[in-house]
Protein backbone atom coordinates (compact mmCIF):
# COMPACT_ATOMS: atom_id res chain seq x y z
CA UNK A 1 0.00 0.00 0.00
CA UNK A 2 2.84 2.39 0.91
CA UNK A 3 4.61 1.42 -2.28
CA UNK A 4 1.48 2.22 -4.33
CA UNK A 5 1.10 5.62 -2.64
CA UNK A 6 4.74 6.45 -3.41
CA UNK A 7 4.17 5.65 -7.07
CA UNK A 8 1.07 7.88 -7.16
CA UNK A 9 2.90 10.76 -5.47
CA UNK A 10 5.89 10.36 -7.82
CA UNK A 11 3.64 10.30 -10.88
CA UNK A 12 1.72 13.36 -9.70
CA UNK A 13 4.97 15.23 -9.09
CA UNK A 14 6.15 14.45 -12.59
CA UNK A 15 2.84 15.76 -13.93
CA UNK A 16 3.23 19.06 -12.06
CA UNK A 17 6.80 19.48 -13.28
CA UNK A 18 5.68 18.69 -16.81
CA UNK A 19 2.91 21.30 -16.65
CA UNK A 20 5.26 23.93 -15.27
CA UNK A 21 7.80 23.13 -17.95
CA UNK A 22 5.16 23.39 -20.65
CA UNK A 23 4.09 26.79 -19.37
CA UNK A 24 7.62 28.10 -19.24
CA UNK A 25 8.38 26.72 -22.68
CA UNK A 26 5.21 28.33 -24.03
CA UNK A 27 6.12 31.72 -22.59
CA UNK A 28 9.63 31.40 -23.91
CA UNK A 29 8.33 30.45 -27.35
CA UNK A 30 6.10 33.54 -27.49
CA UNK A 31 9.02 35.74 -26.54
CA UNK A 32 11.22 34.07 -29.15
CA UNK A 33 8.54 34.54 -31.80
CA UNK A 34 8.20 38.21 -30.86
CA UNK A 35 11.97 38.68 -31.11
CA UNK A 36 11.92 36.98 -34.50
CA UNK A 37 9.22 39.40 -35.59
CA UNK A 38 11.30 42.37 -34.48
CA UNK A 39 14.35 41.00 -36.30
CA UNK A 40 12.35 40.48 -39.49
CA UNK A 41 10.88 43.96 -39.18
CA UNK A 42 14.33 45.50 -38.84
CA UNK A 43 15.55 43.48 -41.82
CA UNK A 44 12.60 44.65 -43.94
CA UNK A 45 11.13 41.15 -44.15
CA UNK A 46 7.69 42.56 -43.60
CA UNK A 47 5.54 39.60 -44.63
CA UNK A 48 7.40 37.28 -42.27
CA UNK A 49 7.21 39.89 -39.52
CA UNK A 50 3.46 40.09 -40.00
CA UNK A 51 3.20 36.32 -39.60
CA UNK A 52 5.37 36.39 -36.47
CA UNK A 53 3.38 39.12 -34.76
CA UNK A 54 0.07 37.47 -35.64
CA UNK A 55 1.36 34.31 -34.00
CA UNK A 56 2.25 36.23 -30.86
CA UNK A 57 -1.18 37.86 -30.82
CA UNK A 58 -2.97 34.53 -31.08
CA UNK A 59 -0.99 32.97 -28.25
CA UNK A 60 -0.24 35.98 -26.09
CA UNK A 61 -3.42 38.05 -26.00
CA UNK A 62 -3.58 40.10 -22.82
CA UNK A 63 0.15 39.88 -22.14
CA UNK A 64 2.66 42.69 -22.50
CA UNK A 65 4.16 40.98 -25.53
CA UNK A 66 0.71 40.59 -27.06
CA UNK A 67 0.04 44.32 -26.66
CA UNK A 68 3.38 45.20 -28.20
CA UNK A 69 2.83 42.74 -31.03
CA UNK A 70 -0.42 44.53 -31.92
CA UNK A 71 1.50 47.77 -32.49
CA UNK A 72 4.33 46.13 -34.41
CA UNK A 73 1.90 44.24 -36.62
CA UNK A 74 0.57 47.63 -37.65
CA UNK A 75 4.17 48.75 -38.21
CA UNK A 76 4.87 45.74 -40.44
CA UNK A 77 1.91 46.64 -42.64
CA UNK A 78 2.78 50.35 -42.58
CA UNK A 79 6.40 49.82 -43.61
CA UNK A 80 5.24 47.48 -46.37
CA UNK A 81 3.03 50.31 -47.66
CA UNK A 82 -0.16 48.38 -46.92
CA UNK A 83 -1.64 51.45 -45.34
CA UNK A 84 -5.29 50.46 -44.98
CA UNK A 85 -4.31 47.20 -43.29
CA UNK A 86 -1.95 49.15 -41.04
CA UNK A 87 -4.79 51.48 -40.07
CA UNK A 88 -6.93 48.48 -39.10
CA UNK A 89 -4.24 47.10 -36.77
CA UNK A 90 -3.41 50.48 -35.24
CA UNK A 91 -7.13 51.00 -34.60
CA UNK A 92 -7.28 47.74 -32.65
CA UNK A 93 -4.44 49.00 -30.46
CA UNK A 94 -6.06 52.36 -29.76
CA UNK A 95 -9.47 50.80 -29.03
CA UNK A 96 -8.44 47.86 -26.88
CA UNK A 97 -5.13 48.95 -25.39
CA UNK A 98 -5.51 52.64 -24.63
CA UNK A 99 -2.92 52.35 -21.87
CA UNK A 100 -0.20 51.25 -24.31
CA UNK A 101 2.81 53.59 -24.66
CA UNK A 102 2.47 53.11 -28.42
CA UNK A 103 -0.99 54.70 -28.70
CA UNK A 104 0.17 58.23 -29.55
CA UNK A 105 2.45 57.01 -32.31
CA UNK A 106 -0.22 54.63 -33.59
CA UNK A 107 -2.73 57.46 -33.85
CA UNK A 108 -0.21 59.59 -35.69
CA UNK A 109 0.49 56.74 -38.10
CA UNK A 110 -3.25 56.38 -38.77
CA UNK A 111 -3.28 60.03 -39.82
CA UNK A 112 -0.20 59.57 -41.98
CA UNK A 113 -1.60 56.42 -43.57
CA UNK A 114 -4.82 58.16 -44.61
CA UNK A 115 -2.75 61.10 -45.86
CA UNK A 116 -0.59 58.80 -47.96
CA UNK A 117 -3.70 57.18 -49.43
CA UNK A 118 -5.02 60.62 -50.35
CA UNK A 119 -5.08 60.79 -54.19
CA UNK A 120 -4.44 63.63 -56.65
CA UNK A 121 -6.80 66.56 -56.25
CA UNK A 122 -9.06 65.64 -59.19
CA UNK A 123 -10.00 62.28 -57.65
CA UNK A 124 -12.43 61.53 -54.84
CA UNK A 125 -11.07 63.02 -51.61
CA UNK A 126 -12.55 60.61 -49.05
CA UNK A 127 -9.16 59.71 -47.58
CA UNK A 128 -8.07 63.34 -47.55
CA UNK A 129 -11.06 64.24 -45.43
CA UNK A 130 -10.49 61.25 -43.14
CA UNK A 131 -6.86 62.25 -42.70
CA UNK A 132 -7.82 65.82 -41.79
CA UNK A 133 -10.40 64.56 -39.31
CA UNK A 134 -7.86 62.28 -37.64
CA UNK A 135 -5.17 64.96 -37.58
CA UNK A 136 -7.58 67.32 -35.84
CA UNK A 137 -8.46 64.66 -33.25
CA UNK A 138 -4.75 64.10 -32.69
CA UNK A 139 -4.19 67.82 -32.12
CA UNK A 140 -7.08 67.94 -29.67
CA UNK A 141 -5.73 65.01 -27.65
CA UNK A 142 -2.01 65.73 -27.94
CA UNK A 143 -1.61 69.52 -28.22
CA UNK A 144 1.96 69.37 -26.92
CA UNK A 145 3.11 66.39 -28.95
CA UNK A 146 6.64 66.38 -30.36
CA UNK A 147 4.92 65.47 -33.64
CA UNK A 148 3.03 68.78 -33.71
CA UNK A 149 5.07 70.36 -36.52
CA UNK A 150 4.63 67.29 -38.71
CA UNK A 151 0.89 67.28 -38.08
CA UNK A 152 0.47 70.96 -38.94
CA UNK A 153 2.56 70.58 -42.08
CA UNK A 154 0.46 67.64 -43.26
CA UNK A 155 -2.77 69.51 -42.54
CA UNK A 156 -1.60 72.45 -44.65
CA UNK A 157 -0.73 70.17 -47.57
CA UNK A 158 -4.12 68.44 -47.46
CA UNK A 159 -6.02 71.72 -47.21
CA UNK A 160 -4.11 73.03 -50.23
CA UNK A 161 -5.24 69.96 -52.15
CA UNK A 162 -8.91 70.44 -51.25
CA UNK A 163 -8.68 74.14 -52.06
CA UNK A 164 -7.19 73.32 -55.46
CA UNK A 165 -10.00 70.87 -56.18
CA UNK A 166 -12.65 73.50 -55.45
CA UNK A 167 -10.75 76.20 -57.35
CA UNK A 168 -10.21 74.06 -60.43
CA UNK A 169 -13.90 73.14 -60.40
CA UNK A 170 -14.67 76.87 -60.51
CA UNK A 171 -12.29 77.39 -63.43
CA UNK A 172 -13.95 74.55 -65.31
CA UNK A 173 -17.37 76.10 -64.77
CA UNK A 174 -16.01 79.42 -66.03
CA UNK A 175 -14.86 77.76 -69.27
CA UNK A 176 -18.37 76.36 -69.72
CA UNK A 177 -19.92 79.80 -68.99
CA UNK A 178 -21.60 78.32 -65.91
CA UNK A 179 -21.00 81.42 -63.80
CA UNK A 180 -23.41 80.65 -60.96
CA UNK A 181 -21.73 77.31 -60.37
CA UNK A 182 -18.33 78.96 -60.66
CA UNK A 183 -19.25 81.50 -58.00
CA UNK A 184 -20.29 78.72 -55.63
CA UNK A 185 -16.98 76.90 -56.14
CA UNK A 186 -14.89 80.03 -55.52
CA UNK A 187 -17.00 80.84 -52.46
CA UNK A 188 -16.11 77.43 -51.01
CA UNK A 189 -12.43 78.34 -51.22
CA UNK A 190 -13.02 81.78 -49.71
CA UNK A 191 -15.11 80.44 -46.83
CA UNK A 192 -13.39 77.14 -46.05
CA UNK A 193 -9.82 77.36 -47.35
CA UNK A 194 -8.95 80.92 -46.40
CA UNK A 195 -5.48 79.83 -45.22
CA UNK A 196 -4.38 78.44 -48.58
CA UNK A 197 -2.65 79.92 -51.61
CA UNK A 198 -5.89 79.63 -53.57
CA UNK A 199 -7.69 82.29 -51.53
CA UNK A 200 -6.46 85.33 -53.47
CA UNK A 201 -6.89 83.53 -56.81
CA UNK A 202 -10.46 82.69 -55.90
CA UNK A 203 -11.12 86.31 -55.00
CA UNK A 204 -9.91 87.41 -58.43
CA UNK A 205 -12.01 84.76 -60.17
CA UNK A 206 -15.02 85.70 -58.07
CA UNK A 207 -14.82 89.25 -59.41
CA UNK A 208 -14.54 87.91 -62.95
CA UNK A 209 -17.40 85.44 -62.56
CA UNK A 210 -19.66 88.14 -61.12
CA UNK A 211 -18.78 90.51 -63.96
CA UNK A 212 -19.30 87.89 -66.68
CA UNK A 213 -22.60 86.98 -65.03
CA UNK A 214 -23.54 90.65 -65.62
CA UNK A 215 -23.54 91.44 -61.90
CA UNK A 216 -21.40 94.52 -62.42
CA UNK A 217 -22.19 96.33 -59.18
CA UNK A 218 -21.56 93.21 -57.11
CA UNK A 219 -18.29 92.63 -58.95
CA UNK A 220 -17.16 96.20 -58.34
CA UNK A 221 -18.09 96.02 -54.66
CA UNK A 222 -16.26 92.71 -54.15
CA UNK A 223 -13.23 94.10 -55.99
CA UNK A 224 -13.11 97.14 -53.73
CA UNK A 225 -13.44 95.04 -50.57
CA UNK A 226 -10.47 92.93 -51.61
CA UNK A 227 -8.47 95.64 -53.36
CA UNK A 228 -5.39 95.58 -51.13
CA UNK A 229 -5.11 91.79 -51.19
CA UNK A 230 -5.41 91.67 -54.98
CA UNK A 231 -2.98 94.55 -55.53
CA UNK A 232 -0.42 92.91 -53.29
CA UNK A 233 -0.56 89.78 -55.47
CA UNK A 234 -0.66 91.66 -58.81
CA UNK A 235 -4.18 90.46 -59.57
CA UNK A 236 -6.16 93.68 -59.23
CA UNK A 237 -5.71 95.01 -62.76
CA UNK A 238 -6.84 91.77 -64.40
CA UNK A 239 -10.06 91.69 -62.38
CA UNK A 240 -10.69 95.40 -62.89
CA UNK A 241 -10.16 95.10 -66.65
CA UNK A 242 -12.83 92.41 -66.89
CA UNK A 243 -15.32 94.69 -65.11
CA UNK A 244 -14.49 97.47 -67.57
CA UNK A 245 -14.86 95.14 -70.53
CA UNK A 246 -18.23 93.85 -69.36
CA UNK A 247 -19.50 97.39 -68.76
CA UNK A 248 -18.62 98.34 -72.32
CA UNK A 249 -20.17 95.17 -73.70
CA UNK A 250 -23.42 95.72 -71.82
CA UNK A 251 -23.60 99.32 -73.08
CA UNK A 252 -23.24 98.10 -76.67
CA UNK A 253 -25.99 95.57 -76.13
């Protein structure tokens, strides 16, 4: 009986040791896999890094390594220029792991990813608008960020693009003699993109569109209100000449 008990105790002890060893080996394997992911990321082997970090996430959810792997998975996509996939992974980090030290950088990268996906001005500007929205949220939450200058620079570039889109739409309407539509387009620039290089150009074109739409008094009033700005940019004479031309034309008619 004593002999049987000793066997049971010995077997149970081996079982406990085996379980402990399995746990330690598992933890060590996750750490090794994470380190492999970091090495692949540094060596620009982004697809393999993605696989490594996914493996860590599956097996290490809720651990410190799992949280870090979520960020670096986003990095692996970002550095491989798979920006929409990177955004998805960064979003998971910011939603589920708000305490992570990587959150600020992840949110900045989301902004940058949308900005990079922003197309030329004549295409749909969905991603441009998303980027601007995210940049503004970043500024609100991190007003003293060391990334502030980069954020402001990117915002200016994106706003210039949207201003150009509206301005070029106005020019196109002018070529088609659609002056009412042209006025609306130039007004968008004046009201919404007043901090861009297209503001003064839109003011000049607004005068011209008003004049060509036979709204001579309105054109003259708008010209006078913006006289100094137009003179400073050598655009006053062109706008004024169009008013004079349209006055003469209307008198002949």
